[in-house]
PDB file of all heavy atoms in Angstrom:
ATOM      1  N   TRP A   1     101.489  88.452  95.450  1.00  0.00           N
ATOM      2  CA  TRP A   1     100.257  88.426  96.245  1.00  0.00           C
ATOM      3  C   TRP A   1      99.795  89.893  96.375  1.00  0.00           C
ATOM      4  O   TRP A   1     100.599  90.809  96.637  1.00  0.00           O
ATOM      5  CB  TRP A   1     100.530  87.892  97.671  1.00  0.00           C
ATOM      6  CG  TRP A   1     100.778  86.433  97.703  1.00  0.00           C
ATOM      7  CD1 TRP A   1     101.998  85.765  97.649  1.00  0.00           C
ATOM      8  CD2 TRP A   1      99.764  85.421  97.753  1.00  0.00           C
ATOM      9  NE1 TRP A   1     101.729  84.437  97.713  1.00  0.00           N
ATOM     10  CE2 TRP A   1     100.404  84.180  97.789  1.00  0.00           C
ATOM     11  CE3 TRP A   1      98.376  85.447  97.808  1.00  0.00           C
ATOM     12  CZ2 TRP A   1      99.690  83.012  97.847  1.00  0.00           C
ATOM     13  CZ3 TRP A   1      97.674  84.294  97.872  1.00  0.00           C
ATOM     14  CH2 TRP A   1      98.347  83.083  97.901  1.00  0.00           C
ATOM     15  N   TYR A   2      98.515  90.093  96.089  1.00  0.00           N
ATOM     16  CA  TYR A   2      97.802  91.370  96.319  1.00  0.00           C
ATOM     17  C   TYR A   2      96.758  91.156  97.409  1.00  0.00           C
ATOM     18  O   TYR A   2      96.389  90.036  97.679  1.00  0.00           O
ATOM     19  CB  TYR A   2      97.166  91.819  95.017  1.00  0.00           C
ATOM     20  CG  TYR A   2      98.079  92.336  93.952  1.00  0.00           C
ATOM     21  CD1 TYR A   2      98.878  91.459  93.166  1.00  0.00           C
ATOM     22  CD2 TYR A   2      98.165  93.681  93.670  1.00  0.00           C
ATOM     23  CE1 TYR A   2      99.787  91.920  92.204  1.00  0.00           C
ATOM     24  CE2 TYR A   2      98.986  94.155  92.687  1.00  0.00           C
ATOM     25  CZ  TYR A   2      99.802  93.291  91.981  1.00  0.00           C
ATOM     26  OH  TYR A   2     100.625  93.787  90.982  1.00  0.00           O
ATOM     27  N   ARG A   3      96.285  92.230  97.881  1.00  0.00           N
ATOM     28  CA  ARG A   3      95.120  92.194  98.850  1.00  0.00           C
ATOM     29  C   ARG A   3      94.187  93.356  98.610  1.00  0.00           C
ATOM     30  O   ARG A   3      94.585  94.405  98.140  1.00  0.00           O
ATOM     31  CB  ARG A   3      95.564  92.062 100.235  1.00  0.00           C
ATOM     32  CG  ARG A   3      96.254  93.439 100.834  1.00  0.00           C
ATOM     33  CD  ARG A   3      96.798  93.112 102.223  1.00  0.00           C
ATOM     34  NE  ARG A   3      97.435  94.329 102.795  1.00  0.00           N
ATOM     35  CZ  ARG A   3      98.068  94.340 103.917  1.00  0.00           C
ATOM     36  NH1 ARG A   3      98.217  93.221 104.641  1.00  0.00           N
ATOM     37  NH2 ARG A   3      98.616  95.478 104.301  1.00  0.00           N
ATOM     38  N   GLN A   4      92.885  93.090  98.962  1.00  0.00           N
ATOM     39  CA  GLN A   4      91.905  94.106  98.863  1.00  0.00           C
ATOM     40  C   GLN A   4      91.001  94.083 100.089  1.00  0.00           C
ATOM     41  O   GLN A   4      90.300  93.056 100.296  1.00  0.00           O
ATOM     42  CB  GLN A   4      91.088  93.957  97.602  1.00  0.00           C
ATOM     43  CG  GLN A   4      90.159  95.092  97.345  1.00  0.00           C
ATOM     44  CD  GLN A   4      89.615  95.071  95.924  1.00  0.00           C
ATOM     45  OE1 GLN A   4      89.652  94.013  95.241  1.00  0.00           O
ATOM     46  NE2 GLN A   4      89.077  96.175  95.440  1.00  0.00           N
ATOM     47  N   ALA A   5      91.027  95.145 100.849  1.00  0.00           N
ATOM     48  CA  ALA A   5      90.150  95.175 101.985  1.00  0.00           C
ATOM     49  C   ALA A   5      88.847  95.892 101.589  1.00  0.00           C
ATOM     50  O   ALA A   5      88.842  96.636 100.562  1.00  0.00           O
ATOM     51  CB  ALA A   5      90.839  96.067 103.097  1.00  0.00           C
ATOM     52  N   PRO A   6      87.782  95.749 102.324  1.00  0.00           N
ATOM     53  CA  PRO A   6      86.513  96.327 101.930  1.00  0.00           C
ATOM     54  C   PRO A   6      86.596  97.834 101.787  1.00  0.00           C
ATOM     55  O   PRO A   6      87.141  98.555 102.603  1.00  0.00           O
ATOM     56  CB  PRO A   6      85.577  95.985 103.129  1.00  0.00           C
ATOM     57  CG  PRO A   6      86.125  94.751 103.665  1.00  0.00           C
ATOM     58  CD  PRO A   6      87.629  94.910 103.514  1.00  0.00           C
ATOM     59  N   GLY A   7      86.111  98.319 100.608  1.00  0.00           N
ATOM     60  CA  GLY A   7      86.131  99.784 100.387  1.00  0.00           C
ATOM     61  C   GLY A   7      87.464 100.299  99.921  1.00  0.00           C
ATOM     62  O   GLY A   7      87.575 101.570  99.749  1.00  0.00           O
ATOM     63  N   GLN A   8      88.450  99.447  99.789  1.00  0.00           N
ATOM     64  CA  GLN A   8      89.795  99.939  99.393  1.00  0.00           C
ATOM     65  C   GLN A   8      90.204  99.311  98.051  1.00  0.00           C
ATOM     66  O   GLN A   8      89.669  98.311  97.610  1.00  0.00           O
ATOM     67  CB  GLN A   8      90.813  99.604 100.466  1.00  0.00           C
ATOM     68  CG  GLN A   8      90.491 100.235 101.816  1.00  0.00           C
ATOM     69  CD  GLN A   8      91.603 100.033 102.810  1.00  0.00           C
ATOM     70  OE1 GLN A   8      92.723  99.728 102.476  1.00  0.00           O
ATOM     71  NE2 GLN A   8      91.289 100.197 104.126  1.00  0.00           N
ATOM     72  N   GLU A   9      91.258  99.929  97.450  1.00  0.00           N
ATOM     73  CA  GLU A   9      91.723  99.391  96.210  1.00  0.00           C
ATOM     74  C   GLU A   9      92.639  98.209  96.501  1.00  0.00           C
ATOM     75  O   GLU A   9      93.218  98.093  97.551  1.00  0.00           O
ATOM     76  CB  GLU A   9      92.491 100.526  95.437  1.00  0.00           C
ATOM     77  CG  GLU A   9      91.661 101.608  94.958  1.00  0.00           C
ATOM     78  CD  GLU A   9      92.395 102.620  94.087  1.00  0.00           C
ATOM     79  OE1 GLU A   9      93.580 102.448  93.871  1.00  0.00           O
ATOM     80  OE2 GLU A   9      91.756 103.494  93.504  1.00  0.00           O
ATOM     81  N   ARG A  10      92.732  97.387  95.428  1.00  0.00           N
ATOM     82  CA  ARG A  10      93.657  96.191  95.539  1.00  0.00           C
ATOM     83  C   ARG A  10      95.057  96.806  95.607  1.00  0.00           C
ATOM     84  O   ARG A  10      95.482  97.637  94.809  1.00  0.00           O
ATOM     85  CB  ARG A  10      93.485  95.303  94.363  1.00  0.00           C
ATOM     86  CG  ARG A  10      94.132  93.976  94.505  1.00  0.00           C
ATOM     87  CD  ARG A  10      93.743  93.027  93.360  1.00  0.00           C
ATOM     88  NE  ARG A  10      92.332  92.705  93.383  1.00  0.00           N
ATOM     89  CZ  ARG A  10      91.729  91.817  92.628  1.00  0.00           C
ATOM     90  NH1 ARG A  10      92.518  91.070  91.776  1.00  0.00           N
ATOM     91  NH2 ARG A  10      90.446  91.544  92.722  1.00  0.00           N
ATOM     92  N   GLU A  11      95.932  96.242  96.454  1.00  0.00           N
ATOM     93  CA  GLU A  11      97.276  96.643  96.654  1.00  0.00           C
ATOM     94  C   GLU A  11      98.271  95.541  96.595  1.00  0.00           C
ATOM     95  O   GLU A  11      97.929  94.413  96.991  1.00  0.00           O
ATOM     96  CB  GLU A  11      97.430  97.420  98.009  1.00  0.00           C
ATOM     97  CG  GLU A  11      97.248  96.615  99.201  1.00  0.00           C
ATOM     98  CD  GLU A  11      97.592  97.341 100.446  1.00  0.00           C
ATOM     99  OE1 GLU A  11      98.070  98.504 100.461  1.00  0.00           O
ATOM    100  OE2 GLU A  11      97.380  96.768 101.567  1.00  0.00           O
ATOM    101  N   LEU A  12      99.458  95.825  96.136  1.00  0.00           N
ATOM    102  CA  LEU A  12     100.523  94.789  96.062  1.00  0.00           C
ATOM    103  C   LEU A  12     101.029  94.543  97.468  1.00  0.00           C
ATOM    104  O   LEU A  12     101.350  95.468  98.296  1.00  0.00           O
ATOM    105  CB  LEU A  12     101.661  95.297  95.166  1.00  0.00           C
ATOM    106  CG  LEU A  12     102.869  94.371  95.110  1.00  0.00           C
ATOM    107  CD1 LEU A  12     102.533  92.996  94.427  1.00  0.00           C
ATOM    108  CD2 LEU A  12     104.024  94.994  94.369  1.00  0.00           C
ATOM    109  N   VAL A  13     101.124  93.272  97.817  1.00  0.00           N
ATOM    110  CA  VAL A  13     101.697  92.878  99.177  1.00  0.00           C
ATOM    111  C   VAL A  13     103.109  92.456  98.992  1.00  0.00           C
ATOM    112  O   VAL A  13     104.001  92.953  99.683  1.00  0.00           O
ATOM    113  CB  VAL A  13     100.827  91.746  99.738  1.00  0.00           C
ATOM    114  CG1 VAL A  13     101.501  91.266 101.046  1.00  0.00           C
ATOM    115  CG2 VAL A  13      99.369  92.206 100.016  1.00  0.00           C
ATOM    116  N   ALA A  14     103.360  91.526  98.066  1.00  0.00           N
ATOM    117  CA  ALA A  14     104.712  91.057  97.845  1.00  0.00           C
ATOM    118  C   ALA A  14     104.804  90.386  96.473  1.00  0.00           C
ATOM    119  O   ALA A  14     103.807  89.880  95.984  1.00  0.00           O
ATOM    120  CB  ALA A  14     105.070  90.014  98.915  1.00  0.00           C
ATOM    121  N   SER A  15     106.001  90.438  95.870  1.00  0.00           N
ATOM    122  CA  SER A  15     106.205  89.783  94.565  1.00  0.00           C
ATOM    123  C   SER A  15     107.533  89.122  94.569  1.00  0.00           C
ATOM    124  O   SER A  15     108.473  89.376  95.287  1.00  0.00           O
ATOM    125  CB  SER A  15     106.128  90.866  93.452  1.00  0.00           C
ATOM    126  OG  SER A  15     107.178  91.754  93.613  1.00  0.00           O
ATOM    127  N   ILE A  16     107.619  88.124  93.678  1.00  0.00           N
ATOM    128  CA  ILE A  16     108.865  87.392  93.455  1.00  0.00           C
ATOM    129  C   ILE A  16     109.010  87.036  92.004  1.00  0.00           C
ATOM    130  O   ILE A  16     108.054  86.730  91.311  1.00  0.00           O
ATOM    131  CB  ILE A  16     108.879  86.132  94.319  1.00  0.00           C
ATOM    132  CG1 ILE A  16     110.223  85.466  94.309  1.00  0.00           C
ATOM    133  CG2 ILE A  16     107.741  85.185  93.936  1.00  0.00           C
ATOM    134  CD1 ILE A  16     110.422  84.381  95.397  1.00  0.00           C
ATOM    135  N   VAL A  17     110.271  87.165  91.468  1.00  0.00           N
ATOM    136  CA  VAL A  17     110.530  86.809  90.066  1.00  0.00           C
ATOM    137  C   VAL A  17     111.351  85.604  90.029  1.00  0.00           C
ATOM    138  O   VAL A  17     111.881  85.078  91.092  1.00  0.00           O
ATOM    139  CB  VAL A  17     111.243  87.985  89.377  1.00  0.00           C
ATOM    140  CG1 VAL A  17     110.346  89.223  89.273  1.00  0.00           C
ATOM    141  CG2 VAL A  17     112.552  88.357  90.005  1.00  0.00           C
ATOM    142  N   GLY A  18     111.584  85.072  88.808  1.00  0.00           N
ATOM    143  CA  GLY A  18     112.224  83.809  88.682  1.00  0.00           C
ATOM    144  C   GLY A  18     113.636  83.741  89.325  1.00  0.00           C
ATOM    145  O   GLY A  18     114.012  82.725  89.830  1.00  0.00           O
ATOM    146  N   GLY A  19     114.373  84.863  89.321  1.00  0.00           N
ATOM    147  CA  GLY A  19     115.655  84.847  89.918  1.00  0.00           C
ATOM    148  C   GLY A  19     115.662  84.865  91.425  1.00  0.00           C
ATOM    149  O   GLY A  19     116.712  84.819  92.107  1.00  0.00           O
ATOM    150  N   GLY A  20     114.439  84.996  91.952  1.00  0.00           N
ATOM    151  CA  GLY A  20     114.354  85.022  93.450  1.00  0.00           C
ATOM    152  C   GLY A  20     114.280  86.397  94.104  1.00  0.00           C
ATOM    153  O   GLY A  20     114.185  86.495  95.288  1.00  0.00           O
ATOM    154  N   ILE A  21     114.321  87.371  93.275  1.00  0.00           N
ATOM    155  CA  ILE A  21     114.300  88.755  93.856  1.00  0.00           C
ATOM    156  C   ILE A  21     112.856  89.007  94.306  1.00  0.00           C
ATOM    157  O   ILE A  21     111.870  88.721  93.651  1.00  0.00           O
ATOM    158  CB  ILE A  21     114.695  89.798  92.739  1.00  0.00           C
ATOM    159  CG1 ILE A  21     116.161  89.524  92.320  1.00  0.00           C
ATOM    160  CG2 ILE A  21     114.521  91.221  93.299  1.00  0.00           C
ATOM    161  CD1 ILE A  21     116.596  90.381  91.143  1.00  0.00           C
ATOM    162  N   THR A  22     112.774  89.526  95.536  1.00  0.00           N
ATOM    163  CA  THR A  22     111.483  89.821  96.135  1.00  0.00           C
ATOM    164  C   THR A  22     111.270  91.307  96.381  1.00  0.00           C
ATOM    165  O   THR A  22     112.236  92.085  96.407  1.00  0.00           O
ATOM    166  CB  THR A  22     111.388  89.098  97.503  1.00  0.00           C
ATOM    167  OG1 THR A  22     112.414  89.478  98.372  1.00  0.00           O
ATOM    168  CG2 THR A  22     111.474  87.582  97.313  1.00  0.00           C
ATOM    169  N   ASN A  23     110.000  91.652  96.535  1.00  0.00           N
ATOM    170  CA  ASN A  23     109.655  93.031  96.777  1.00  0.00           C
ATOM    171  C   ASN A  23     108.459  93.014  97.732  1.00  0.00           C
ATOM    172  O   ASN A  23     107.531  92.134  97.587  1.00  0.00           O
ATOM    173  CB  ASN A  23     109.283  93.782  95.493  1.00  0.00           C
ATOM    174  CG  ASN A  23     108.933  95.195  95.754  1.00  0.00           C
ATOM    175  OD1 ASN A  23     109.664  95.976  96.297  1.00  0.00           O
ATOM    176  ND2 ASN A  23     107.771  95.645  95.279  1.00  0.00           N
ATOM    177  N   TYR A  24     108.444  93.960  98.728  1.00  0.00           N
ATOM    178  CA  TYR A  24     107.400  93.969  99.694  1.00  0.00           C
ATOM    179  C   TYR A  24     106.816  95.309  99.861  1.00  0.00           C
ATOM    180  O   TYR A  24     107.506  96.334  99.790  1.00  0.00           O
ATOM    181  CB  TYR A  24     107.882  93.489 101.071  1.00  0.00           C
ATOM    182  CG  TYR A  24     108.378  92.047 101.084  1.00  0.00           C
ATOM    183  CD1 TYR A  24     109.713  91.705 100.922  1.00  0.00           C
ATOM    184  CD2 TYR A  24     107.480  91.029 101.404  1.00  0.00           C
ATOM    185  CE1 TYR A  24     110.111  90.420 100.859  1.00  0.00           C
ATOM    186  CE2 TYR A  24     107.905  89.701 101.433  1.00  0.00           C
ATOM    187  CZ  TYR A  24     109.217  89.390 101.193  1.00  0.00           C
ATOM    188  OH  TYR A  24     109.631  88.131 101.200  1.00  0.00           O
ATOM    189  N   ALA A  25     105.514  95.380 100.203  1.00  0.00           N
ATOM    190  CA  ALA A  25     104.955  96.641 100.604  1.00  0.00           C
ATOM    191  C   ALA A  25     105.557  97.003 101.954  1.00  0.00           C
ATOM    192  O   ALA A  25     105.849  96.180 102.756  1.00  0.00           O
ATOM    193  CB  ALA A  25     103.423  96.511 100.735  1.00  0.00           C
ATOM    194  N   ASP A  26     105.696  98.357 102.210  1.00  0.00           N
ATOM    195  CA  ASP A  26     106.286  98.766 103.445  1.00  0.00           C
ATOM    196  C   ASP A  26     105.498  98.298 104.615  1.00  0.00           C
ATOM    197  O   ASP A  26     106.027  98.022 105.721  1.00  0.00           O
ATOM    198  CB  ASP A  26     106.314 100.322 103.469  1.00  0.00           C
ATOM    199  CG  ASP A  26     107.332 100.906 102.520  1.00  0.00           C
ATOM    200  OD1 ASP A  26     108.255 100.122 102.118  1.00  0.00           O
ATOM    201  OD2 ASP A  26     107.265 102.062 102.207  1.00  0.00           O
ATOM    202  N   SER A  27     104.171  98.153 104.520  1.00  0.00           N
ATOM    203  CA  SER A  27     103.353  97.804 105.665  1.00  0.00           C
ATOM    204  C   SER A  27     103.540  96.308 106.091  1.00  0.00           C
ATOM    205  O   SER A  27     103.134  95.968 107.223  1.00  0.00           O
ATOM    206  CB  SER A  27     101.859  97.941 105.308  1.00  0.00           C
ATOM    207  OG  SER A  27     101.534  97.181 104.111  1.00  0.00           O
ATOM    208  N   VAL A  28     104.171  95.502 105.280  1.00  0.00           N
ATOM    209  CA  VAL A  28     104.390  94.140 105.646  1.00  0.00           C
ATOM    210  C   VAL A  28     105.828  93.700 105.779  1.00  0.00           C
ATOM    211  O   VAL A  28     106.106  92.547 106.155  1.00  0.00           O
ATOM    212  CB  VAL A  28     103.643  93.100 104.639  1.00  0.00           C
ATOM    213  CG1 VAL A  28     102.167  93.539 104.500  1.00  0.00           C
ATOM    214  CG2 VAL A  28     104.381  93.124 103.302  1.00  0.00           C
ATOM    215  N   LYS A  29     106.755  94.611 105.473  1.00  0.00           N
ATOM    216  CA  LYS A  29     108.209  94.257 105.560  1.00  0.00           C
ATOM    217  C   LYS A  29     108.547  93.777 106.966  1.00  0.00           C
ATOM    218  O   LYS A  29     108.130  94.428 107.973  1.00  0.00           O
ATOM    219  CB  LYS A  29     108.968  95.505 105.226  1.00  0.00           C
ATOM    220  CG  LYS A  29     109.157  95.731 103.702  1.00  0.00           C
ATOM    221  CD  LYS A  29     109.985  96.913 103.421  1.00  0.00           C
ATOM    222  CE  LYS A  29     110.089  97.148 101.917  1.00  0.00           C
ATOM    223  NZ  LYS A  29     110.803  98.434 101.535  1.00  0.00           N
ATOM    224  N   GLY A  30     109.250  92.731 107.004  1.00  0.00           N
ATOM    225  CA  GLY A  30     109.681  92.176 108.333  1.00  0.00           C
ATOM    226  C   GLY A  30     108.698  91.224 108.963  1.00  0.00           C
ATOM    227  O   GLY A  30     108.965  90.570 109.904  1.00  0.00           O
ATOM    228  N   ARG A  31     107.495  91.207 108.390  1.00  0.00           N
ATOM    229  CA  ARG A  31     106.411  90.306 108.959  1.00  0.00           C
ATOM    230  C   ARG A  31     106.047  89.226 107.928  1.00  0.00           C
ATOM    231  O   ARG A  31     105.704  88.112 108.353  1.00  0.00           O
ATOM    232  CB  ARG A  31     105.170  91.146 109.311  1.00  0.00           C
ATOM    233  CG  ARG A  31     105.452  92.228 110.365  1.00  0.00           C
ATOM    234  CD  ARG A  31     104.122  92.814 110.826  1.00  0.00           C
ATOM    235  NE  ARG A  31     103.398  93.526 109.796  1.00  0.00           N
ATOM    236  CZ  ARG A  31     102.165  93.245 109.433  1.00  0.00           C
ATOM    237  NH1 ARG A  31     101.518  92.259 110.035  1.00  0.00           N
ATOM    238  NH2 ARG A  31     101.589  93.910 108.447  1.00  0.00           N
ATOM    239  N   PHE A  32     106.056  89.575 106.648  1.00  0.00           N
ATOM    240  CA  PHE A  32     105.574  88.635 105.651  1.00  0.00           C
ATOM    241  C   PHE A  32     106.831  88.189 104.800  1.00  0.00           C
ATOM    242  O   PHE A  32     107.702  88.971 104.580  1.00  0.00           O
ATOM    243  CB  PHE A  32     104.580  89.294 104.659  1.00  0.00           C
ATOM    244  CG  PHE A  32     103.235  89.558 105.240  1.00  0.00           C
ATOM    245  CD1 PHE A  32     102.984  89.484 106.648  1.00  0.00           C
ATOM    246  CD2 PHE A  32     102.205  89.934 104.400  1.00  0.00           C
ATOM    247  CE1 PHE A  32     101.735  89.792 107.145  1.00  0.00           C
ATOM    248  CE2 PHE A  32     100.948  90.232 104.898  1.00  0.00           C
ATOM    249  CZ  PHE A  32     100.700  90.140 106.280  1.00  0.00           C
ATOM    250  N   THR A  33     106.749  86.947 104.368  1.00  0.00           N
ATOM    251  CA  THR A  33     107.795  86.457 103.499  1.00  0.00           C
ATOM    252  C   THR A  33     107.161  85.702 102.349  1.00  0.00           C
ATOM    253  O   THR A  33     106.360  84.826 102.502  1.00  0.00           O
ATOM    254  CB  THR A  33     108.722  85.465 104.282  1.00  0.00           C
ATOM    255  OG1 THR A  33     109.277  86.120 105.417  1.00  0.00           O
ATOM    256  CG2 THR A  33     109.819  84.993 103.342  1.00  0.00           C
ATOM    257  N   ILE A  34     107.583  86.126 101.086  1.00  0.00           N
ATOM    258  CA  ILE A  34     107.099  85.420  99.930  1.00  0.00           C
ATOM    259  C   ILE A  34     108.213  84.453  99.445  1.00  0.00           C
ATOM    260  O   ILE A  34     109.421  84.794  99.512  1.00  0.00           O
ATOM    261  CB  ILE A  34     106.752  86.401  98.746  1.00  0.00           C
ATOM    262  CG1 ILE A  34     106.051  85.668  97.604  1.00  0.00           C
ATOM    263  CG2 ILE A  34     107.958  87.182  98.323  1.00  0.00           C
ATOM    264  CD1 ILE A  34     105.436  86.663  96.543  1.00  0.00           C
ATOM    265  N   SER A  35     107.766  83.270  99.017  1.00  0.00           N
ATOM    266  CA  SER A  35     108.757  82.225  98.541  1.00  0.00           C
ATOM    267  C   SER A  35     108.111  81.432  97.441  1.00  0.00           C
ATOM    268  O   SER A  35     106.880  81.575  97.237  1.00  0.00           O
ATOM    269  CB  SER A  35     109.294  81.366  99.645  1.00  0.00           C
ATOM    270  OG  SER A  35     108.163  80.694 100.270  1.00  0.00           O
ATOM    271  N   ARG A  36     108.891  80.709  96.701  1.00  0.00           N
ATOM    272  CA  ARG A  36     108.350  79.872  95.681  1.00  0.00           C
ATOM    273  C   ARG A  36     109.176  78.586  95.556  1.00  0.00           C
ATOM    274  O   ARG A  36     110.297  78.529  95.956  1.00  0.00           O
ATOM    275  CB  ARG A  36     108.273  80.614  94.316  1.00  0.00           C
ATOM    276  CG  ARG A  36     109.578  81.327  93.892  1.00  0.00           C
ATOM    277  CD  ARG A  36     110.459  80.561  93.225  1.00  0.00           C
ATOM    278  NE  ARG A  36     111.565  81.258  92.582  1.00  0.00           N
ATOM    279  CZ  ARG A  36     112.854  80.957  92.748  1.00  0.00           C
ATOM    280  NH1 ARG A  36     113.135  79.964  93.629  1.00  0.00           N
ATOM    281  NH2 ARG A  36     113.756  81.589  92.120  1.00  0.00           N
ATOM    282  N   ASP A  37     108.528  77.589  94.913  1.00  0.00           N
ATOM    283  CA  ASP A  37     109.304  76.384  94.602  1.00  0.00           C
ATOM    284  C   ASP A  37     110.140  76.667  93.366  1.00  0.00           C
ATOM    285  O   ASP A  37     109.999  77.737  92.677  1.00  0.00           O
ATOM    286  CB  ASP A  37     108.424  75.174  94.375  1.00  0.00           C
ATOM    287  CG  ASP A  37     107.508  75.278  93.219  1.00  0.00           C
ATOM    288  OD1 ASP A  37     107.551  76.293  92.498  1.00  0.00           O
ATOM    289  OD2 ASP A  37     106.742  74.303  92.906  1.00  0.00           O
TER     290      ASP A  37
END
């Protein structure tokens, strides 16, 4: 998931790979959770 606010560049929010490893932007750590089927 990426996000883009008005007047700002698109930024990575969170990512997940097939093995289930996740990565989060510092600004959303502890608040957002990425998951997949």
